[in-house]
Amino acid sequence: CPNIGDCWSKKHATFLIMGGICTRGCAFCNIETGKPDNLDPFEPLRVAKSVQKLGLRHVVLTSVDRDDLSDGGADHFSKTINLIKKHSPLTTVEVLTPDFLHAEKNSIDLLINAKPHVFNHNIETVPSKYLSVRPGARYFSSLKLLSIVKEKSVDIFTKSGIMVGMGETNDEIFQVMDDLRAADVDFLTIGQYLQP
Protein backbone atom coordinates (compact mmCIF):
# COMPACT_ATOMS: atom_id res chain seq x y z
CA CYS A 1 0.00 0.00 0.00
CA PRO A 2 1.43 3.42 -0.90
CA ASN A 3 -0.02 4.89 2.33
CA ILE A 4 1.60 2.43 4.73
CA GLY A 5 4.09 4.99 6.06
CA ASP A 6 1.29 7.41 6.85
CA CYS A 7 -0.69 4.74 8.70
CA TRP A 8 2.28 3.47 10.69
CA SER A 9 3.26 7.02 11.68
CA LYS A 10 -0.20 7.44 13.24
CA LYS A 11 -0.09 4.02 14.95
CA HIS A 12 -2.78 2.63 12.61
CA ALA A 13 -2.69 -0.89 11.18
CA THR A 14 -4.94 -3.33 9.32
CA PHE A 15 -5.19 -7.05 10.04
CA LEU A 16 -6.57 -9.58 7.56
CA ILE A 17 -8.23 -12.26 9.68
CA MET A 18 -9.67 -15.70 8.84
CA GLY A 19 -7.03 -16.58 6.28
CA GLY A 20 -6.11 -15.44 2.81
CA ILE A 21 -8.33 -17.66 0.67
CA CYS A 22 -11.72 -16.24 -0.34
CA THR A 23 -14.84 -18.21 -1.22
CA ARG A 24 -15.69 -15.72 -3.98
CA GLY A 25 -13.87 -14.32 -7.00
CA CYS A 26 -14.47 -10.60 -7.48
CA ALA A 27 -12.94 -9.18 -10.65
CA PHE A 28 -11.04 -6.34 -8.95
CA CYS A 29 -9.48 -8.35 -6.12
CA ASN A 30 -6.09 -10.04 -5.99
CA ILE A 31 -6.97 -12.49 -3.19
CA GLU A 32 -6.81 -16.21 -3.97
CA THR A 33 -10.19 -17.94 -4.46
CA GLY A 34 -10.76 -21.48 -3.25
CA LYS A 35 -11.57 -23.58 -0.19
CA PRO A 36 -10.32 -21.77 2.94
CA ASP A 37 -8.61 -23.47 5.85
CA ASN A 38 -10.43 -23.98 9.15
CA LEU A 39 -10.50 -20.96 11.44
CA ASP A 40 -7.62 -20.64 13.88
CA PRO A 41 -9.27 -20.37 17.33
CA PHE A 42 -6.18 -18.60 18.71
CA GLU A 43 -6.08 -15.89 16.03
CA PRO A 44 -8.30 -13.39 17.94
CA LEU A 45 -5.94 -13.47 20.95
CA ARG A 46 -2.82 -13.25 18.76
CA VAL A 47 -4.24 -10.21 16.96
CA ALA A 48 -5.19 -8.56 20.28
CA LYS A 49 -1.70 -9.18 21.70
CA SER A 50 -0.13 -7.76 18.51
CA VAL A 51 -2.27 -4.63 18.77
CA GLN A 52 -1.18 -4.24 22.38
CA LYS A 53 2.51 -4.87 21.64
CA LEU A 54 2.53 -2.39 18.74
CA GLY A 55 0.71 0.23 20.84
CA LEU A 56 -1.79 0.85 18.06
CA ARG A 57 -4.26 3.72 18.36
CA HIS A 58 -6.57 2.52 15.56
CA VAL A 59 -6.94 -0.95 14.11
CA VAL A 60 -8.90 -2.16 11.10
CA LEU A 61 -10.00 -5.80 11.01
CA THR A 62 -10.86 -7.10 7.57
CA SER A 63 -11.38 -10.51 6.05
CA VAL A 64 -12.00 -12.49 2.93
CA ASP A 65 -15.53 -13.74 2.24
CA ARG A 66 -16.13 -16.88 4.29
CA ASP A 67 -19.31 -18.31 2.75
CA ASP A 68 -18.17 -21.70 4.07
CA LEU A 69 -19.00 -20.59 7.65
CA SER A 70 -22.61 -20.57 8.82
CA ASP A 71 -22.18 -17.10 10.36
CA GLY A 72 -19.86 -15.79 7.62
CA GLY A 73 -17.19 -15.28 10.27
CA ALA A 74 -19.20 -12.84 12.42
CA ASP A 75 -18.33 -14.66 15.65
CA HIS A 76 -14.61 -14.61 14.81
CA PHE A 77 -14.80 -10.86 14.19
CA SER A 78 -16.65 -10.47 17.50
CA LYS A 79 -14.07 -12.44 19.51
CA THR A 80 -11.23 -10.43 17.97
CA ILE A 81 -12.93 -7.10 18.72
CA ASN A 82 -13.65 -8.08 22.33
CA LEU A 83 -10.08 -9.22 22.96
CA ILE A 84 -8.62 -6.06 21.44
CA LYS A 85 -10.86 -3.97 23.69
CA LYS A 86 -9.78 -6.05 26.70
CA HIS A 87 -6.03 -5.77 26.04
CA SER A 88 -5.98 -2.26 24.50
CA PRO A 89 -9.02 -0.35 25.80
CA LEU A 90 -7.89 2.97 24.28
CA THR A 91 -7.57 1.56 20.75
CA THR A 92 -10.40 2.28 18.34
CA VAL A 93 -11.57 -0.68 16.29
CA GLU A 94 -12.89 -0.52 12.74
CA VAL A 95 -14.15 -3.56 10.88
CA LEU A 96 -14.15 -3.82 7.10
CA THR A 97 -16.44 -6.76 6.52
CA PRO A 98 -17.78 -8.94 3.75
CA ASP A 99 -21.53 -8.79 3.07
CA PHE A 100 -22.58 -11.91 5.06
CA LEU A 101 -24.87 -12.66 2.10
CA HIS A 102 -24.92 -16.41 2.71
CA ALA A 103 -24.74 -16.32 6.51
CA GLU A 104 -27.54 -17.47 8.79
CA LYS A 105 -30.08 -14.79 9.62
CA ASN A 106 -29.05 -12.43 12.42
CA SER A 107 -25.40 -13.58 12.32
CA ILE A 108 -24.43 -9.93 11.99
CA ASP A 109 -25.81 -9.35 15.51
CA LEU A 110 -22.74 -11.14 16.91
CA LEU A 111 -20.53 -8.51 15.35
CA ILE A 112 -22.78 -5.56 16.18
CA ASN A 113 -22.96 -6.62 19.84
CA ALA A 114 -19.15 -6.43 20.04
CA LYS A 115 -19.53 -2.69 19.33
CA PRO A 116 -16.74 -1.85 16.90
CA HIS A 117 -16.28 1.91 16.71
CA VAL A 118 -16.65 1.86 12.91
CA PHE A 119 -18.48 -0.69 10.75
CA ASN A 120 -17.23 -0.51 7.17
CA HIS A 121 -18.58 -2.50 4.26
CA ASN A 122 -17.61 -1.36 0.79
CA ILE A 123 -20.26 -1.10 -1.92
CA GLU A 124 -17.27 -1.11 -4.34
CA THR A 125 -19.08 -0.05 -7.53
CA VAL A 126 -22.34 1.12 -9.09
CA PRO A 127 -25.22 -1.38 -9.53
CA SER A 128 -24.80 -1.69 -13.31
CA LYS A 129 -21.24 -3.02 -12.83
CA TYR A 130 -22.05 -5.64 -10.19
CA LEU A 131 -22.36 -8.61 -12.56
CA SER A 132 -18.90 -7.99 -13.98
CA VAL A 133 -17.12 -6.56 -10.92
CA ARG A 134 -18.79 -8.26 -7.92
CA PRO A 135 -20.63 -11.24 -9.42
CA GLY A 136 -20.98 -13.00 -6.05
CA ALA A 137 -22.51 -9.99 -4.29
CA ARG A 138 -25.75 -8.02 -4.47
CA TYR A 139 -25.86 -4.22 -4.37
CA PHE A 140 -29.06 -3.93 -2.34
CA SER A 141 -27.93 -6.61 0.12
CA SER A 142 -24.83 -4.54 0.83
CA LEU A 143 -26.94 -1.41 1.32
CA LYS A 144 -29.28 -3.32 3.64
CA LEU A 145 -26.36 -4.59 5.72
CA LEU A 146 -25.14 -1.04 6.33
CA SER A 147 -28.66 0.09 7.15
CA ILE A 148 -29.21 -2.78 9.61
CA VAL A 149 -26.01 -1.97 11.50
CA LYS A 150 -27.11 1.64 11.97
CA GLU A 151 -30.65 0.64 12.93
CA LYS A 152 -29.41 -1.78 15.58
CA SER A 153 -26.68 0.46 17.01
CA VAL A 154 -26.75 4.19 16.39
CA ASP A 155 -23.46 4.48 18.33
CA ILE A 156 -21.51 2.63 15.64
CA PHE A 157 -20.25 4.79 12.79
CA THR A 158 -20.96 3.25 9.40
CA LYS A 159 -18.70 3.63 6.42
CA SER A 160 -18.52 2.46 2.82
CA GLY A 161 -16.33 2.92 -0.21
CA ILE A 162 -16.53 2.81 -3.97
CA MET A 163 -13.98 2.62 -6.76
CA VAL A 164 -14.29 4.82 -9.81
CA GLY A 165 -12.69 4.16 -13.17
CA MET A 166 -14.59 1.06 -14.27
CA GLY A 167 -16.88 2.69 -16.83
CA GLU A 168 -19.54 4.08 -14.51
CA THR A 169 -21.24 7.42 -15.18
CA ASN A 170 -21.34 10.46 -12.91
CA ASP A 171 -25.09 10.00 -12.48
CA GLU A 172 -24.54 6.42 -11.32
CA ILE A 173 -21.99 7.60 -8.75
CA PHE A 174 -24.39 10.26 -7.49
CA GLN A 175 -27.10 7.60 -7.16
CA VAL A 176 -24.80 5.42 -5.04
CA MET A 177 -24.08 8.44 -2.84
CA ASP A 178 -27.82 9.05 -2.44
CA ASP A 179 -28.42 5.36 -1.63
CA LEU A 180 -25.69 5.35 1.02
CA ARG A 181 -27.07 8.51 2.57
CA ALA A 182 -30.55 6.95 2.65
CA ALA A 183 -28.99 3.97 4.46
CA ASP A 184 -27.67 6.45 7.05
CA VAL A 185 -24.01 5.76 6.24
CA ASP A 186 -21.72 8.23 8.03
CA PHE A 187 -18.57 8.09 5.89
CA LEU A 188 -17.83 7.44 2.21
CA THR A 189 -14.42 6.88 0.65
CA ILE A 190 -13.87 7.08 -3.10
CA GLY A 191 -10.83 5.53 -4.69
CA GLN A 192 -9.71 5.01 -8.24
CA TYR A 193 -9.41 1.56 -9.77
CA LEU A 194 -6.20 1.31 -11.75
CA GLN A 195 -6.33 -1.47 -14.34
CA PRO A 196 -3.40 -3.93 -14.23
C-alpha atoms as a PDB file:
ATOM      1  CA  CYS A   1       0.000   0.000   0.000  1.00  0.00           C
ATOM      2  CA  PRO A   2       1.426   3.422  -0.899  1.00  0.00           C
ATOM      3  CA  ASN A   3      -0.017   4.888   2.329  1.00  0.00           C
ATOM      4  CA  ILE A   4       1.596   2.428   4.728  1.00  0.00           C
ATOM      5  CA  GLY A   5       4.087   4.990   6.062  1.00  0.00           C
ATOM      6  CA  ASP A   6       1.286   7.412   6.851  1.00  0.00           C
ATOM      7  CA  CYS A   7      -0.694   4.739   8.701  1.00  0.00           C
ATOM      8  CA  TRP A   8       2.277   3.470  10.689  1.00  0.00           C
ATOM      9  CA  SER A   9       3.259   7.024  11.681  1.00  0.00           C
ATOM     10  CA  LYS A  10      -0.199   7.436  13.237  1.00  0.00           C
ATOM     11  CA  LYS A  11      -0.086   4.019  14.948  1.00  0.00           C
ATOM     12  CA  HIS A  12      -2.782   2.633  12.613  1.00  0.00           C
ATOM     13  CA  ALA A  13      -2.694  -0.889  11.178  1.00  0.00           C
ATOM     14  CA  THR A  14      -4.941  -3.328   9.323  1.00  0.00           C
ATOM     15  CA  PHE A  15      -5.189  -7.053  10.041  1.00  0.00           C
ATOM     16  CA  LEU A  16      -6.567  -9.584   7.559  1.00  0.00           C
ATOM     17  CA  ILE A  17      -8.227 -12.263   9.683  1.00  0.00           C
ATOM     18  CA  MET A  18      -9.675 -15.695   8.840  1.00  0.00           C
ATOM     19  CA  GLY A  19      -7.028 -16.585   6.280  1.00  0.00           C
ATOM     20  CA  GLY A  20      -6.112 -15.437   2.810  1.00  0.00           C
ATOM     21  CA  ILE A  21      -8.331 -17.661   0.669  1.00  0.00           C
ATOM     22  CA  CYS A  22     -11.718 -16.243  -0.343  1.00  0.00           C
ATOM     23  CA  THR A  23     -14.836 -18.213  -1.224  1.00  0.00           C
ATOM     24  CA  ARG A  24     -15.694 -15.718  -3.981  1.00  0.00           C
ATOM     25  CA  GLY A  25     -13.870 -14.324  -6.998  1.00  0.00           C
ATOM     26  CA  CYS A  26     -14.473 -10.604  -7.479  1.00  0.00           C
ATOM     27  CA  ALA A  27     -12.936  -9.178 -10.652  1.00  0.00           C
ATOM     28  CA  PHE A  28     -11.044  -6.340  -8.947  1.00  0.00           C
ATOM     29  CA  CYS A  29      -9.478  -8.350  -6.123  1.00  0.00           C
ATOM     30  CA  ASN A  30      -6.089 -10.042  -5.991  1.00  0.00           C
ATOM     31  CA  ILE A  31      -6.970 -12.488  -3.187  1.00  0.00           C
ATOM     32  CA  GLU A  32      -6.814 -16.207  -3.971  1.00  0.00           C
ATOM     33  CA  THR A  33     -10.188 -17.942  -4.464  1.00  0.00           C
ATOM     34  CA  GLY A  34     -10.764 -21.475  -3.247  1.00  0.00           C
ATOM     35  CA  LYS A  35     -11.567 -23.578  -0.187  1.00  0.00           C
ATOM     36  CA  PRO A  36     -10.323 -21.773   2.936  1.00  0.00           C
ATOM     37  CA  ASP A  37      -8.611 -23.473   5.852  1.00  0.00           C
ATOM     38  CA  ASN A  38     -10.425 -23.978   9.150  1.00  0.00           C
ATOM     39  CA  LEU A  39     -10.503 -20.964  11.444  1.00  0.00           C
ATOM     40  CA  ASP A  40      -7.624 -20.636  13.876  1.00  0.00           C
ATOM     41  CA  PRO A  41      -9.269 -20.369  17.327  1.00  0.00           C
ATOM     42  CA  PHE A  42      -6.178 -18.605  18.707  1.00  0.00           C
ATOM     43  CA  GLU A  43      -6.081 -15.892  16.034  1.00  0.00           C
ATOM     44  CA  PRO A  44      -8.301 -13.394  17.942  1.00  0.00           C
ATOM     45  CA  LEU A  45      -5.944 -13.466  20.947  1.00  0.00           C
ATOM     46  CA  ARG A  46      -2.821 -13.253  18.761  1.00  0.00           C
ATOM     47  CA  VAL A  47      -4.244 -10.214  16.963  1.00  0.00           C
ATOM     48  CA  ALA A  48      -5.185  -8.563  20.279  1.00  0.00           C
ATOM     49  CA  LYS A  49      -1.696  -9.179  21.697  1.00  0.00           C
ATOM     50  CA  SER A  50      -0.132  -7.756  18.510  1.00  0.00           C
ATOM     51  CA  VAL A  51      -2.273  -4.625  18.770  1.00  0.00           C
ATOM     52  CA  GLN A  52      -1.179  -4.241  22.383  1.00  0.00           C
ATOM     53  CA  LYS A  53       2.511  -4.869  21.644  1.00  0.00           C
ATOM     54  CA  LEU A  54       2.526  -2.392  18.744  1.00  0.00           C
ATOM     55  CA  GLY A  55       0.713   0.228  20.838  1.00  0.00           C
ATOM     56  CA  LEU A  56      -1.788   0.855  18.055  1.00  0.00           C
ATOM     57  CA  ARG A  57      -4.264   3.715  18.362  1.00  0.00           C
ATOM     58  CA  HIS A  58      -6.565   2.518  15.564  1.00  0.00           C
ATOM     59  CA  VAL A  59      -6.936  -0.952  14.112  1.00  0.00           C
ATOM     60  CA  VAL A  60      -8.896  -2.164  11.102  1.00  0.00           C
ATOM     61  CA  LEU A  61      -9.999  -5.798  11.013  1.00  0.00           C
ATOM     62  CA  THR A  62     -10.858  -7.104   7.570  1.00  0.00           C
ATOM     63  CA  SER A  63     -11.379 -10.514   6.050  1.00  0.00           C
ATOM     64  CA  VAL A  64     -12.002 -12.493   2.927  1.00  0.00           C
ATOM     65  CA  ASP A  65     -15.527 -13.743   2.239  1.00  0.00           C
ATOM     66  CA  ARG A  66     -16.132 -16.878   4.295  1.00  0.00           C
ATOM     67  CA  ASP A  67     -19.306 -18.312   2.750  1.00  0.00           C
ATOM     68  CA  ASP A  68     -18.172 -21.699   4.071  1.00  0.00           C
ATOM     69  CA  LEU A  69     -19.001 -20.593   7.647  1.00  0.00           C
ATOM     70  CA  SER A  70     -22.615 -20.573   8.818  1.00  0.00           C
ATOM     71  CA  ASP A  71     -22.183 -17.102  10.359  1.00  0.00           C
ATOM     72  CA  GLY A  72     -19.865 -15.788   7.621  1.00  0.00           C
ATOM     73  CA  GLY A  73     -17.193 -15.276  10.268  1.00  0.00           C
ATOM     74  CA  ALA A  74     -19.196 -12.839  12.422  1.00  0.00           C
ATOM     75  CA  ASP A  75     -18.335 -14.661  15.652  1.00  0.00           C
ATOM     76  CA  HIS A  76     -14.612 -14.611  14.811  1.00  0.00           C
ATOM     77  CA  PHE A  77     -14.800 -10.857  14.194  1.00  0.00           C
ATOM     78  CA  SER A  78     -16.653 -10.475  17.497  1.00  0.00           C
ATOM     79  CA  LYS A  79     -14.067 -12.435  19.505  1.00  0.00           C
ATOM     80  CA  THR A  80     -11.233 -10.431  17.971  1.00  0.00           C
ATOM     81  CA  ILE A  81     -12.934  -7.100  18.720  1.00  0.00           C
ATOM     82  CA  ASN A  82     -13.652  -8.082  22.327  1.00  0.00           C
ATOM     83  CA  LEU A  83     -10.084  -9.224  22.960  1.00  0.00           C
ATOM     84  CA  ILE A  84      -8.616  -6.057  21.436  1.00  0.00           C
ATOM     85  CA  LYS A  85     -10.857  -3.974  23.693  1.00  0.00           C
ATOM     86  CA  LYS A  86      -9.782  -6.052  26.705  1.00  0.00           C
ATOM     87  CA  HIS A  87      -6.032  -5.769  26.041  1.00  0.00           C
ATOM     88  CA  SER A  88      -5.975  -2.261  24.495  1.00  0.00           C
ATOM     89  CA  PRO A  89      -9.017  -0.352  25.800  1.00  0.00           C
ATOM     90  CA  LEU A  90      -7.891   2.967  24.276  1.00  0.00           C
ATOM     91  CA  THR A  91      -7.567   1.563  20.752  1.00  0.00           C
ATOM     92  CA  THR A  92     -10.402   2.276  18.343  1.00  0.00           C
ATOM     93  CA  VAL A  93     -11.566  -0.680  16.290  1.00  0.00           C
ATOM     94  CA  GLU A  94     -12.887  -0.519  12.739  1.00  0.00           C
ATOM     95  CA  VAL A  95     -14.155  -3.556  10.880  1.00  0.00           C
ATOM     96  CA  LEU A  96     -14.153  -3.822   7.096  1.00  0.00           C
ATOM     97  CA  THR A  97     -16.445  -6.757   6.516  1.00  0.00           C
ATOM     98  CA  PRO A  98     -17.778  -8.937   3.752  1.00  0.00           C
ATOM     99  CA  ASP A  99     -21.525  -8.790   3.073  1.00  0.00           C
ATOM    100  CA  PHE A 100     -22.576 -11.913   5.057  1.00  0.00           C
ATOM    101  CA  LEU A 101     -24.871 -12.657   2.102  1.00  0.00           C
ATOM    102  CA  HIS A 102     -24.916 -16.414   2.706  1.00  0.00           C
ATOM    103  CA  ALA A 103     -24.742 -16.322   6.512  1.00  0.00           C
ATOM    104  CA  GLU A 104     -27.544 -17.467   8.786  1.00  0.00           C
ATOM    105  CA  LYS A 105     -30.081 -14.794   9.621  1.00  0.00           C
ATOM    106  CA  ASN A 106     -29.045 -12.433  12.423  1.00  0.00           C
ATOM    107  CA  SER A 107     -25.397 -13.584  12.320  1.00  0.00           C
ATOM    108  CA  ILE A 108     -24.426  -9.934  11.992  1.00  0.00           C
ATOM    109  CA  ASP A 109     -25.806  -9.347  15.513  1.00  0.00           C
ATOM    110  CA  LEU A 110     -22.741 -11.142  16.906  1.00  0.00           C
ATOM    111  CA  LEU A 111     -20.527  -8.506  15.352  1.00  0.00           C
ATOM    112  CA  ILE A 112     -22.784  -5.556  16.183  1.00  0.00           C
ATOM    113  CA  ASN A 113     -22.958  -6.623  19.839  1.00  0.00           C
ATOM    114  CA  ALA A 114     -19.153  -6.432  20.036  1.00  0.00           C
ATOM    115  CA  LYS A 115     -19.530  -2.686  19.325  1.00  0.00           C
ATOM    116  CA  PRO A 116     -16.740  -1.845  16.897  1.00  0.00           C
ATOM    117  CA  HIS A 117     -16.276   1.909  16.713  1.00  0.00           C
ATOM    118  CA  VAL A 118     -16.655   1.858  12.913  1.00  0.00           C
ATOM    119  CA  PHE A 119     -18.485  -0.691  10.749  1.00  0.00           C
ATOM    120  CA  ASN A 120     -17.230  -0.506   7.172  1.00  0.00           C
ATOM    121  CA  HIS A 121     -18.584  -2.497   4.264  1.00  0.00           C
ATOM    122  CA  ASN A 122     -17.612  -1.362   0.788  1.00  0.00           C
ATOM    123  CA  ILE A 123     -20.259  -1.100  -1.922  1.00  0.00           C
ATOM    124  CA  GLU A 124     -17.273  -1.110  -4.344  1.00  0.00           C
ATOM    125  CA  THR A 125     -19.079  -0.050  -7.532  1.00  0.00           C
ATOM    126  CA  VAL A 126     -22.344   1.120  -9.085  1.00  0.00           C
ATOM    127  CA  PRO A 127     -25.218  -1.379  -9.525  1.00  0.00           C
ATOM    128  CA  SER A 128     -24.799  -1.690 -13.314  1.00  0.00           C
ATOM    129  CA  LYS A 129     -21.244  -3.023 -12.827  1.00  0.00           C
ATOM    130  CA  TYR A 130     -22.049  -5.644 -10.190  1.00  0.00           C
ATOM    131  CA  LEU A 131     -22.358  -8.612 -12.559  1.00  0.00           C
ATOM    132  CA  SER A 132     -18.901  -7.992 -13.982  1.00  0.00           C
ATOM    133  CA  VAL A 133     -17.121  -6.558 -10.920  1.00  0.00           C
ATOM    134  CA  ARG A 134     -18.795  -8.256  -7.916  1.00  0.00           C
ATOM    135  CA  PRO A 135     -20.627 -11.239  -9.423  1.00  0.00           C
ATOM    136  CA  GLY A 136     -20.981 -13.004  -6.051  1.00  0.00           C
ATOM    137  CA  ALA A 137     -22.507  -9.995  -4.293  1.00  0.00           C
ATOM    138  CA  ARG A 138     -25.745  -8.022  -4.474  1.00  0.00           C
ATOM    139  CA  TYR A 139     -25.860  -4.218  -4.373  1.00  0.00           C
ATOM    140  CA  PHE A 140     -29.057  -3.929  -2.340  1.00  0.00           C
ATOM    141  CA  SER A 141     -27.931  -6.611   0.117  1.00  0.00           C
ATOM    142  CA  SER A 142     -24.828  -4.536   0.832  1.00  0.00           C
ATOM    143  CA  LEU A 143     -26.940  -1.411   1.323  1.00  0.00           C
ATOM    144  CA  LYS A 144     -29.278  -3.322   3.635  1.00  0.00           C
ATOM    145  CA  LEU A 145     -26.357  -4.585   5.723  1.00  0.00           C
ATOM    146  CA  LEU A 146     -25.136  -1.039   6.329  1.00  0.00           C
ATOM    147  CA  SER A 147     -28.664   0.088   7.147  1.00  0.00           C
ATOM    148  CA  ILE A 148     -29.215  -2.780   9.614  1.00  0.00           C
ATOM    149  CA  VAL A 149     -26.012  -1.969  11.503  1.00  0.00           C
ATOM    150  CA  LYS A 150     -27.113   1.643  11.971  1.00  0.00           C
ATOM    151  CA  GLU A 151     -30.653   0.645  12.933  1.00  0.00           C
ATOM    152  CA  LYS A 152     -29.410  -1.783  15.581  1.00  0.00           C
ATOM    153  CA  SER A 153     -26.684   0.456  17.012  1.00  0.00           C
ATOM    154  CA  VAL A 154     -26.749   4.189  16.393  1.00  0.00           C
ATOM    155  CA  ASP A 155     -23.464   4.480  18.334  1.00  0.00           C
ATOM    156  CA  ILE A 156     -21.507   2.629  15.645  1.00  0.00           C
ATOM    157  CA  PHE A 157     -20.247   4.793  12.794  1.00  0.00           C
ATOM    158  CA  THR A 158     -20.959   3.246   9.399  1.00  0.00           C
ATOM    159  CA  LYS A 159     -18.702   3.629   6.417  1.00  0.00           C
ATOM    160  CA  SER A 160     -18.522   2.463   2.821  1.00  0.00           C
ATOM    161  CA  GLY A 161     -16.329   2.922  -0.207  1.00  0.00           C
ATOM    162  CA  ILE A 162     -16.531   2.813  -3.974  1.00  0.00           C
ATOM    163  CA  MET A 163     -13.977   2.620  -6.762  1.00  0.00           C
ATOM    164  CA  VAL A 164     -14.290   4.819  -9.812  1.00  0.00           C
ATOM    165  CA  GLY A 165     -12.694   4.158 -13.172  1.00  0.00           C
ATOM    166  CA  MET A 166     -14.590   1.058 -14.272  1.00  0.00           C
ATOM    167  CA  GLY A 167     -16.876   2.692 -16.831  1.00  0.00           C
ATOM    168  CA  GLU A 168     -19.541   4.084 -14.507  1.00  0.00           C
ATOM    169  CA  THR A 169     -21.241   7.422 -15.185  1.00  0.00           C
ATOM    170  CA  ASN A 170     -21.340  10.460 -12.913  1.00  0.00           C
ATOM    171  CA  ASP A 171     -25.088  10.000 -12.482  1.00  0.00           C
ATOM    172  CA  GLU A 172     -24.544   6.422 -11.316  1.00  0.00           C
ATOM    173  CA  ILE A 173     -21.986   7.597  -8.746  1.00  0.00           C
ATOM    174  CA  PHE A 174     -24.394  10.262  -7.486  1.00  0.00           C
ATOM    175  CA  GLN A 175     -27.102   7.599  -7.159  1.00  0.00           C
ATOM    176  CA  VAL A 176     -24.800   5.418  -5.038  1.00  0.00           C
ATOM    177  CA  MET A 177     -24.085   8.439  -2.838  1.00  0.00           C
ATOM    178  CA  ASP A 178     -27.823   9.050  -2.438  1.00  0.00           C
ATOM    179  CA  ASP A 179     -28.423   5.364  -1.635  1.00  0.00           C
ATOM    180  CA  LEU A 180     -25.689   5.348   1.017  1.00  0.00           C
ATOM    181  CA  ARG A 181     -27.068   8.512   2.568  1.00  0.00           C
ATOM    182  CA  ALA A 182     -30.551   6.949   2.648  1.00  0.00           C
ATOM    183  CA  ALA A 183     -28.985   3.969   4.463  1.00  0.00           C
ATOM    184  CA  ASP A 184     -27.669   6.451   7.052  1.00  0.00           C
ATOM    185  CA  VAL A 185     -24.010   5.764   6.236  1.00  0.00           C
ATOM    186  CA  ASP A 186     -21.722   8.232   8.027  1.00  0.00           C
ATOM    187  CA  PHE A 187     -18.571   8.086   5.888  1.00  0.00           C
ATOM    188  CA  LEU A 188     -17.831   7.444   2.215  1.00  0.00           C
ATOM    189  CA  THR A 189     -14.417   6.881   0.654  1.00  0.00           C
ATOM    190  CA  ILE A 190     -13.874   7.083  -3.101  1.00  0.00           C
ATOM    191  CA  GLY A 191     -10.826   5.531  -4.688  1.00  0.00           C
ATOM    192  CA  GLN A 192      -9.707   5.007  -8.242  1.00  0.00           C
ATOM    193  CA  TYR A 193      -9.414   1.558  -9.770  1.00  0.00           C
ATOM    194  CA  LEU A 194      -6.197   1.308 -11.748  1.00  0.00           C
ATOM    195  CA  GLN A 195      -6.326  -1.467 -14.340  1.00  0.00           C
ATOM    196  CA  PRO A 196      -3.402  -3.925 -14.233  1.00  0.00           C
END
